[in-house]
Amino acid sequence: MEGAKVVIADFNDNALNTTVTEFKEAGYEAFGVKVNVAVEKDIRAMIAKTINYYGRIDILVNNAGVGDNMQAAANV
């Protein structure tokens, strides 16, 4: 991740906490925000918390959804 500081956003507390823990155990800087991306108020709060925590947002990856039977593109 080349020194990236990561925000993990999820609506599921257990998944959120597990993912943040996994990132930290792997040596990455990460924190979590509970958010429902279908609710604009939650999105605005996530942005505010991120800026408050890290000071800015440089890169944003929107990856909302459910991945059923996902696999690497090379395997398709």
Protein backbone atom coordinates (compact mmCIF):
# COMPACT_ATOMS: atom_id res chain seq x y z
CA MET A 1 0.00 0.00 0.00
CA GLU A 2 3.05 2.22 -0.30
CA GLY A 3 2.48 4.07 2.98
CA ALA A 4 -1.22 4.73 2.50
CA LYS A 5 -3.31 5.54 5.54
CA VAL A 6 -6.59 3.72 5.15
CA VAL A 7 -10.16 4.31 6.27
CA ILE A 8 -12.28 1.18 6.38
CA ALA A 9 -15.97 2.02 6.01
CA ASP A 10 -18.67 -0.58 6.62
CA PHE A 11 -22.20 -0.75 7.98
CA ASN A 12 -21.47 -4.02 9.78
CA ASP A 13 -19.63 -3.48 13.08
CA ASN A 14 -18.11 -6.97 13.17
CA ALA A 15 -16.80 -6.82 9.60
CA LEU A 16 -15.53 -3.28 10.17
CA ASN A 17 -13.62 -4.14 13.33
CA THR A 18 -12.23 -7.37 11.87
CA THR A 19 -10.94 -5.61 8.76
CA VAL A 20 -9.36 -2.75 10.73
CA THR A 21 -7.65 -5.27 13.00
CA GLU A 22 -6.34 -7.25 10.02
CA PHE A 23 -4.91 -4.10 8.43
CA LYS A 24 -3.23 -3.02 11.67
CA GLU A 25 -1.81 -6.50 12.30
CA ALA A 26 -0.34 -6.40 8.78
CA GLY A 27 1.44 -3.15 9.71
CA TYR A 28 -0.83 -0.65 7.96
CA GLU A 29 -2.29 2.50 9.48
CA ALA A 30 -6.07 2.21 9.45
CA PHE A 31 -9.18 3.28 11.29
CA GLY A 32 -12.82 2.42 10.82
CA VAL A 33 -16.02 4.36 10.32
CA LYS A 34 -19.47 2.81 10.49
CA VAL A 35 -21.42 4.10 7.50
CA ASN A 36 -24.41 3.22 5.35
CA VAL A 37 -23.48 4.55 1.91
CA ALA A 38 -27.17 4.77 1.01
CA VAL A 39 -27.56 7.55 3.62
CA GLU A 40 -26.07 10.92 2.65
CA LYS A 41 -25.72 12.00 6.30
CA ASP A 42 -23.54 8.93 6.96
CA ILE A 43 -21.37 9.71 3.94
CA ARG A 44 -20.84 13.30 5.06
CA ALA A 45 -19.97 12.10 8.57
CA MET A 46 -17.48 9.58 7.14
CA ILE A 47 -15.75 12.33 5.15
CA ALA A 48 -15.63 14.64 8.18
CA LYS A 49 -14.24 11.89 10.43
CA THR A 50 -11.59 11.02 7.85
CA ILE A 51 -10.45 14.63 7.48
CA ASN A 52 -10.48 15.05 11.26
CA TYR A 53 -8.38 11.88 11.72
CA TYR A 54 -5.89 12.25 8.84
CA GLY A 55 -6.19 15.92 7.90
CA ARG A 56 -7.13 15.31 4.27
CA ILE A 57 -8.25 12.80 1.66
CA ASP A 58 -5.87 12.16 -1.24
CA ILE A 59 -7.38 9.08 -2.85
CA LEU A 60 -10.92 7.74 -2.63
CA VAL A 61 -11.98 4.29 -3.75
CA ASN A 62 -15.72 3.69 -3.86
CA ASN A 63 -16.24 -0.03 -3.53
CA ALA A 64 -19.75 -0.44 -2.18
CA GLY A 65 -21.62 -3.62 -2.85
CA VAL A 66 -21.72 -7.32 -2.34
CA GLY A 67 -19.22 -9.55 -4.04
CA ASP A 68 -20.84 -12.90 -4.75
CA ASN A 69 -18.53 -15.44 -6.35
CA MET A 70 -15.84 -12.83 -6.92
CA GLN A 71 -12.47 -13.91 -8.20
CA ALA A 72 -9.39 -12.32 -9.71
CA ALA A 73 -9.75 -11.16 -13.31
CA ALA A 74 -6.89 -13.47 -14.28
CA ASN A 75 -9.03 -16.46 -13.26
CA VAL A 76 -12.00 -15.57 -15.44
